[in-house]
Amino acid sequence: MRKNAKKGMAIGFALLLASLAMVEGGHAQDLHPSRRLSPMGMARIMLGDTYIRVVYGRPYKRRRENIFGTKESGALVPFGEIWRTGANEATEITVTHDVLVDGKRLPAGTYSLFTTPGPDKWTIHFNSALNLWGTMRRNPETGRFERGYFPENDVVVVTAVPKTLDEEVDQFTISFERTGADSADMILRWIKTEVRVPMKLAK
């Protein structure tokens, strides 16, 4: 009887460990980027021998009727406040050679792409800080999140006039549209707002 009891306890303990492993594995799978509520997306284009790539989180509308608007109205993305330009991690853009963003030189490299939406004007920030969660950074010593975006780290800042779309875009989208052999617009679209940022090869 004692042998059977010990054997039963050993089997029970093994089953418990297996079930815990399955739970932990389930949590790990839930954190996988492909199963996020706002999945990761990528936009890219070649301009001559210059490769431009944007990696970003793509939130959905999800029954939220007030996306871009005033803070007082409870908008998801308030006018006048810095936005990660997507969801989850800060959006990042990589350019392999220098480009002109609305006429301003952006050196080759990788940057966080932030925006400050407004009713009549959007400000687009190319910032040197990387590995951010939104506008925050995790402190490796304390494990706590702290401020990660600082305007003094902006390398290029440009403005653009938003356009109202006829049809609603349910999921936030960044894309490129070629405007010439060495130029393209980077286009941000969500709900009925479209913002175009002209980019061109630097000579």
C-alpha atoms as a PDB file:
ATOM      1  CA  MET A   1       0.000   0.000   0.000  1.00  0.00           C
ATOM      2  CA  ARG A   2       2.795   2.395   0.867  1.00  0.00           C
ATOM      3  CA  LYS A   3       4.475   1.753  -2.485  1.00  0.00           C
ATOM      4  CA  ASN A   4       1.205   2.439  -4.300  1.00  0.00           C
ATOM      5  CA  ALA A   5       0.611   5.561  -2.228  1.00  0.00           C
ATOM      6  CA  LYS A   6       4.091   6.872  -2.968  1.00  0.00           C
ATOM      7  CA  LYS A   7       3.679   6.013  -6.632  1.00  0.00           C
ATOM      8  CA  GLY A   8       0.329   7.821  -6.702  1.00  0.00           C
ATOM      9  CA  MET A   9       1.820  10.898  -5.039  1.00  0.00           C
ATOM     10  CA  ALA A  10       4.703  10.931  -7.537  1.00  0.00           C
ATOM     11  CA  ILE A  11       2.278  10.722 -10.468  1.00  0.00           C
ATOM     12  CA  GLY A  12       0.110  13.465  -8.968  1.00  0.00           C
ATOM     13  CA  PHE A  13       3.134  15.713  -8.467  1.00  0.00           C
ATOM     14  CA  ALA A  14       4.250  15.103 -12.055  1.00  0.00           C
ATOM     15  CA  LEU A  15       0.786  15.974 -13.343  1.00  0.00           C
ATOM     16  CA  LEU A  16       0.806  19.163 -11.266  1.00  0.00           C
ATOM     17  CA  LEU A  17       4.148  20.222 -12.735  1.00  0.00           C
ATOM     18  CA  ALA A  18       2.895  19.441 -16.238  1.00  0.00           C
ATOM     19  CA  SER A  19      -0.237  21.510 -15.715  1.00  0.00           C
ATOM     20  CA  LEU A  20       1.811  24.453 -14.400  1.00  0.00           C
ATOM     21  CA  ALA A  21       4.080  24.213 -17.416  1.00  0.00           C
ATOM     22  CA  MET A  22       1.048  24.282 -19.697  1.00  0.00           C
ATOM     23  CA  VAL A  23      -0.290  27.383 -17.935  1.00  0.00           C
ATOM     24  CA  GLU A  24       3.059  29.143 -18.194  1.00  0.00           C
ATOM     25  CA  GLY A  25       3.317  28.122 -21.842  1.00  0.00           C
ATOM     26  CA  GLY A  26      -0.165  29.517 -22.447  1.00  0.00           C
ATOM     27  CA  HIS A  27       0.811  32.869 -20.978  1.00  0.00           C
ATOM     28  CA  ALA A  28       3.950  32.937 -23.115  1.00  0.00           C
ATOM     29  CA  GLN A  29       1.886  32.295 -26.233  1.00  0.00           C
ATOM     30  CA  ASP A  30      -0.530  35.085 -25.327  1.00  0.00           C
ATOM     31  CA  LEU A  31       2.423  37.503 -25.313  1.00  0.00           C
ATOM     32  CA  HIS A  32       3.512  36.479 -28.805  1.00  0.00           C
ATOM     33  CA  PRO A  33       3.372  39.488 -31.204  1.00  0.00           C
ATOM     34  CA  SER A  34       1.178  37.583 -33.663  1.00  0.00           C
ATOM     35  CA  ARG A  35      -1.568  37.280 -31.026  1.00  0.00           C
ATOM     36  CA  ARG A  36      -1.576  40.871 -29.765  1.00  0.00           C
ATOM     37  CA  LEU A  37      -4.808  42.846 -29.767  1.00  0.00           C
ATOM     38  CA  SER A  38      -2.890  45.388 -31.857  1.00  0.00           C
ATOM     39  CA  PRO A  39      -0.710  43.241 -34.149  1.00  0.00           C
ATOM     40  CA  MET A  40       2.631  44.371 -35.476  1.00  0.00           C
ATOM     41  CA  GLY A  41       2.818  45.721 -39.006  1.00  0.00           C
ATOM     42  CA  MET A  42       5.545  46.802 -41.393  1.00  0.00           C
ATOM     43  CA  ALA A  43       5.675  49.262 -44.274  1.00  0.00           C
ATOM     44  CA  ARG A  44       8.679  49.448 -46.585  1.00  0.00           C
ATOM     45  CA  ILE A  45       9.910  50.909 -49.835  1.00  0.00           C
ATOM     46  CA  MET A  46      13.091  51.161 -51.901  1.00  0.00           C
ATOM     47  CA  LEU A  47      14.036  54.589 -53.232  1.00  0.00           C
ATOM     48  CA  GLY A  48      17.018  53.997 -55.479  1.00  0.00           C
ATOM     49  CA  ASP A  49      19.466  52.099 -53.264  1.00  0.00           C
ATOM     50  CA  THR A  50      17.873  53.445 -50.076  1.00  0.00           C
ATOM     51  CA  TYR A  51      15.690  51.104 -48.040  1.00  0.00           C
ATOM     52  CA  ILE A  52      13.045  52.643 -45.772  1.00  0.00           C
ATOM     53  CA  ARG A  53      11.153  50.496 -43.278  1.00  0.00           C
ATOM     54  CA  VAL A  54       8.592  51.304 -40.582  1.00  0.00           C
ATOM     55  CA  VAL A  55       7.666  48.785 -37.849  1.00  0.00           C
ATOM     56  CA  TYR A  56       4.620  49.657 -35.767  1.00  0.00           C
ATOM     57  CA  GLY A  57       1.647  48.391 -33.753  1.00  0.00           C
ATOM     58  CA  ARG A  58      -1.720  48.450 -35.553  1.00  0.00           C
ATOM     59  CA  PRO A  59      -4.649  49.219 -33.233  1.00  0.00           C
ATOM     60  CA  TYR A  60      -8.251  48.691 -34.334  1.00  0.00           C
ATOM     61  CA  LYS A  61     -11.141  51.067 -33.723  1.00  0.00           C
ATOM     62  CA  ARG A  62     -12.988  48.474 -31.573  1.00  0.00           C
ATOM     63  CA  ARG A  63     -16.232  50.413 -31.086  1.00  0.00           C
ATOM     64  CA  ARG A  64     -14.356  53.485 -29.895  1.00  0.00           C
ATOM     65  CA  GLU A  65     -16.065  56.459 -31.479  1.00  0.00           C
ATOM     66  CA  ASN A  66     -13.676  59.180 -30.298  1.00  0.00           C
ATOM     67  CA  ILE A  67     -10.136  58.469 -31.558  1.00  0.00           C
ATOM     68  CA  PHE A  68      -8.595  61.841 -32.448  1.00  0.00           C
ATOM     69  CA  GLY A  69     -10.024  64.804 -30.540  1.00  0.00           C
ATOM     70  CA  THR A  70      -9.680  67.076 -27.556  1.00  0.00           C
ATOM     71  CA  LYS A  71      -8.571  65.800 -24.176  1.00  0.00           C
ATOM     72  CA  GLU A  72     -11.740  67.238 -22.650  1.00  0.00           C
ATOM     73  CA  SER A  73     -13.854  65.062 -24.946  1.00  0.00           C
ATOM     74  CA  GLY A  74     -12.080  61.905 -23.745  1.00  0.00           C
ATOM     75  CA  ALA A  75     -10.405  61.174 -27.099  1.00  0.00           C
ATOM     76  CA  LEU A  76      -8.183  58.099 -27.271  1.00  0.00           C
ATOM     77  CA  VAL A  77      -5.432  60.200 -28.923  1.00  0.00           C
ATOM     78  CA  PRO A  78      -5.795  63.764 -27.609  1.00  0.00           C
ATOM     79  CA  PHE A  79      -4.826  66.735 -29.746  1.00  0.00           C
ATOM     80  CA  GLY A  80      -1.592  68.402 -28.672  1.00  0.00           C
ATOM     81  CA  GLU A  81      -0.152  65.350 -26.913  1.00  0.00           C
ATOM     82  CA  ILE A  82       2.741  63.188 -28.088  1.00  0.00           C
ATOM     83  CA  TRP A  83       1.599  59.839 -29.537  1.00  0.00           C
ATOM     84  CA  ARG A  84       3.552  56.627 -30.164  1.00  0.00           C
ATOM     85  CA  THR A  85       1.986  56.563 -33.666  1.00  0.00           C
ATOM     86  CA  GLY A  86       0.401  53.172 -33.190  1.00  0.00           C
ATOM     87  CA  ALA A  87       0.224  50.796 -30.225  1.00  0.00           C
ATOM     88  CA  ASN A  88       2.544  48.915 -27.864  1.00  0.00           C
ATOM     89  CA  GLU A  89       6.210  49.757 -28.531  1.00  0.00           C
ATOM     90  CA  ALA A  90       7.066  53.119 -30.048  1.00  0.00           C
ATOM     91  CA  THR A  91       6.922  53.038 -33.839  1.00  0.00           C
ATOM     92  CA  GLU A  92      10.408  52.821 -35.387  1.00  0.00           C
ATOM     93  CA  ILE A  93      11.618  53.887 -38.824  1.00  0.00           C
ATOM     94  CA  THR A  94      14.885  52.843 -40.459  1.00  0.00           C
ATOM     95  CA  VAL A  95      16.544  54.548 -43.430  1.00  0.00           C
ATOM     96  CA  THR A  96      19.726  53.067 -44.906  1.00  0.00           C
ATOM     97  CA  HIS A  97      20.928  56.333 -46.463  1.00  0.00           C
ATOM     98  CA  ASP A  98      20.232  59.997 -45.760  1.00  0.00           C
ATOM     99  CA  VAL A  99      16.795  61.176 -46.885  1.00  0.00           C
ATOM    100  CA  LEU A 100      14.978  64.492 -46.935  1.00  0.00           C
ATOM    101  CA  VAL A 101      11.786  64.579 -44.895  1.00  0.00           C
ATOM    102  CA  ASP A 102       9.757  67.509 -46.189  1.00  0.00           C
ATOM    103  CA  GLY A 103      13.082  69.087 -47.159  1.00  0.00           C
ATOM    104  CA  LYS A 104      14.896  68.381 -43.859  1.00  0.00           C
ATOM    105  CA  ARG A 105      17.828  65.964 -43.868  1.00  0.00           C
ATOM    106  CA  LEU A 106      17.379  62.788 -41.827  1.00  0.00           C
ATOM    107  CA  PRO A 107      20.691  60.894 -41.500  1.00  0.00           C
ATOM    108  CA  ALA A 108      20.790  57.154 -42.131  1.00  0.00           C
ATOM    109  CA  GLY A 109      19.791  55.208 -39.029  1.00  0.00           C
ATOM    110  CA  THR A 110      16.844  54.015 -36.940  1.00  0.00           C
ATOM    111  CA  TYR A 111      14.531  56.396 -35.114  1.00  0.00           C
ATOM    112  CA  SER A 112      11.404  56.326 -33.002  1.00  0.00           C
ATOM    113  CA  LEU A 113       8.548  57.934 -34.907  1.00  0.00           C
ATOM    114  CA  PHE A 114       6.260  60.050 -32.734  1.00  0.00           C
ATOM    115  CA  THR A 115       3.441  62.349 -33.768  1.00  0.00           C
ATOM    116  CA  THR A 116       1.524  65.166 -32.126  1.00  0.00           C
ATOM    117  CA  PRO A 117      -1.938  65.204 -33.733  1.00  0.00           C
ATOM    118  CA  GLY A 118      -3.995  68.356 -34.058  1.00  0.00           C
ATOM    119  CA  PRO A 119      -7.233  69.362 -35.768  1.00  0.00           C
ATOM    120  CA  ASP A 120      -5.451  71.393 -38.471  1.00  0.00           C
ATOM    121  CA  LYS A 121      -1.803  70.361 -38.139  1.00  0.00           C
ATOM    122  CA  TRP A 122       0.155  67.247 -37.181  1.00  0.00           C
ATOM    123  CA  THR A 123       3.752  67.384 -35.967  1.00  0.00           C
ATOM    124  CA  ILE A 124       5.972  64.421 -36.856  1.00  0.00           C
ATOM    125  CA  HIS A 125       9.014  63.715 -34.663  1.00  0.00           C
ATOM    126  CA  PHE A 126      11.967  61.530 -35.674  1.00  0.00           C
ATOM    127  CA  ASN A 127      13.576  60.821 -32.308  1.00  0.00           C
ATOM    128  CA  SER A 128      16.914  59.161 -31.526  1.00  0.00           C
ATOM    129  CA  ALA A 129      15.667  57.274 -28.428  1.00  0.00           C
ATOM    130  CA  LEU A 130      15.001  53.593 -29.133  1.00  0.00           C
ATOM    131  CA  ASN A 131      13.609  50.524 -27.356  1.00  0.00           C
ATOM    132  CA  LEU A 132      10.684  52.453 -25.885  1.00  0.00           C
ATOM    133  CA  TRP A 133       7.242  51.262 -24.831  1.00  0.00           C
ATOM    134  CA  GLY A 134       5.110  54.091 -26.135  1.00  0.00           C
ATOM    135  CA  THR A 135       6.784  57.195 -24.743  1.00  0.00           C
ATOM    136  CA  MET A 136       8.181  55.277 -21.752  1.00  0.00           C
ATOM    137  CA  ARG A 137      11.350  53.288 -21.060  1.00  0.00           C
ATOM    138  CA  ARG A 138      11.819  50.459 -18.567  1.00  0.00           C
ATOM    139  CA  ASN A 139      14.613  51.187 -16.104  1.00  0.00           C
ATOM    140  CA  PRO A 140      16.801  48.027 -16.068  1.00  0.00           C
ATOM    141  CA  GLU A 141      17.826  48.625 -12.449  1.00  0.00           C
ATOM    142  CA  THR A 142      14.405  49.265 -10.911  1.00  0.00           C
ATOM    143  CA  GLY A 143      12.220  47.470 -13.477  1.00  0.00           C
ATOM    144  CA  ARG A 144       9.900  50.465 -13.443  1.00  0.00           C
ATOM    145  CA  PHE A 145       8.750  52.478 -16.421  1.00  0.00           C
ATOM    146  CA  GLU A 146       9.932  56.041 -16.638  1.00  0.00           C
ATOM    147  CA  ARG A 147       9.857  58.816 -19.189  1.00  0.00           C
ATOM    148  CA  GLY A 148      11.623  57.855 -22.400  1.00  0.00           C
ATOM    149  CA  TYR A 149      10.629  60.524 -24.921  1.00  0.00           C
ATOM    150  CA  PHE A 150      12.422  63.853 -24.684  1.00  0.00           C
ATOM    151  CA  PRO A 151      11.976  66.562 -27.343  1.00  0.00           C
ATOM    152  CA  GLU A 152      15.688  67.393 -27.209  1.00  0.00           C
ATOM    153  CA  ASN A 153      16.302  63.963 -28.802  1.00  0.00           C
ATOM    154  CA  ASP A 154      14.252  64.897 -31.869  1.00  0.00           C
ATOM    155  CA  VAL A 155      16.556  64.752 -34.895  1.00  0.00           C
ATOM    156  CA  VAL A 156      14.000  66.029 -37.420  1.00  0.00           C
ATOM    157  CA  VAL A 157      10.605  67.624 -36.789  1.00  0.00           C
ATOM    158  CA  VAL A 158       8.179  68.439 -39.609  1.00  0.00           C
ATOM    159  CA  THR A 159       4.509  69.332 -39.840  1.00  0.00           C
ATOM    160  CA  ALA A 160       1.736  68.079 -42.107  1.00  0.00           C
ATOM    161  CA  VAL A 161      -1.874  69.030 -42.754  1.00  0.00           C
ATOM    162  CA  PRO A 162      -4.357  66.202 -42.043  1.00  0.00           C
ATOM    163  CA  LYS A 163      -6.930  65.250 -44.667  1.00  0.00           C
ATOM    164  CA  THR A 164     -10.415  63.867 -44.047  1.00  0.00           C
ATOM    165  CA  LEU A 165     -11.081  60.546 -45.783  1.00  0.00           C
ATOM    166  CA  ASP A 166     -14.426  59.642 -47.361  1.00  0.00           C
ATOM    167  CA  GLU A 167     -14.266  56.048 -46.084  1.00  0.00           C
ATOM    168  CA  GLU A 168     -13.310  54.956 -42.593  1.00  0.00           C
ATOM    169  CA  VAL A 169     -10.114  52.975 -41.986  1.00  0.00           C
ATOM    170  CA  ASP A 170     -10.801  50.577 -39.099  1.00  0.00           C
ATOM    171  CA  GLN A 171      -7.173  49.576 -38.391  1.00  0.00           C
ATOM    172  CA  PHE A 172      -4.332  52.087 -38.108  1.00  0.00           C
ATOM    173  CA  THR A 173      -2.172  51.833 -41.227  1.00  0.00           C
ATOM    174  CA  ILE A 174       1.183  53.223 -42.334  1.00  0.00           C
ATOM    175  CA  SER A 175       2.091  52.853 -45.997  1.00  0.00           C
ATOM    176  CA  PHE A 176       4.271  54.374 -48.702  1.00  0.00           C
ATOM    177  CA  GLU A 177       3.109  55.784 -52.014  1.00  0.00           C
ATOM    178  CA  ARG A 178       5.713  56.534 -54.653  1.00  0.00           C
ATOM    179  CA  THR A 179       5.600  60.113 -55.957  1.00  0.00           C
ATOM    180  CA  GLY A 180       8.666  59.951 -58.207  1.00  0.00           C
ATOM    181  CA  ALA A 181      11.739  57.885 -59.041  1.00  0.00           C
ATOM    182  CA  ASP A 182      13.474  59.039 -55.842  1.00  0.00           C
ATOM    183  CA  SER A 183      10.549  60.169 -53.671  1.00  0.00           C
ATOM    184  CA  ALA A 184       7.491  58.864 -51.838  1.00  0.00           C
ATOM    185  CA  ASP A 185       4.886  59.883 -49.298  1.00  0.00           C
ATOM    186  CA  MET A 186       4.737  58.091 -45.968  1.00  0.00           C
ATOM    187  CA  ILE A 187       0.992  57.893 -45.276  1.00  0.00           C
ATOM    188  CA  LEU A 188      -0.689  57.514 -41.889  1.00  0.00           C
ATOM    189  CA  ARG A 189      -4.375  56.548 -41.941  1.00  0.00           C
ATOM    190  CA  TRP A 190      -6.851  55.795 -39.181  1.00  0.00           C
ATOM    191  CA  ILE A 191     -10.618  56.260 -38.979  1.00  0.00           C
ATOM    192  CA  LYS A 192     -11.174  59.224 -41.348  1.00  0.00           C
ATOM    193  CA  THR A 193      -7.805  60.942 -40.877  1.00  0.00           C
ATOM    194  CA  GLU A 194      -4.948  60.806 -43.377  1.00  0.00           C
ATOM    195  CA  VAL A 195      -1.538  62.435 -42.939  1.00  0.00           C
ATOM    196  CA  ARG A 196       1.121  62.452 -45.663  1.00  0.00           C
ATOM    197  CA  VAL A 197       4.822  63.016 -45.005  1.00  0.00           C
ATOM    198  CA  PRO A 198       6.946  63.584 -48.139  1.00  0.00           C
ATOM    199  CA  MET A 199      10.304  61.790 -48.285  1.00  0.00           C
ATOM    200  CA  LYS A 200      13.039  62.056 -50.912  1.00  0.00           C
ATOM    201  CA  LEU A 201      16.569  60.820 -51.464  1.00  0.00           C
ATOM    202  CA  ALA A 202      19.166  63.277 -50.178  1.00  0.00           C
ATOM    203  CA  LYS A 203      21.816  64.334 -52.683  1.00  0.00           C
END
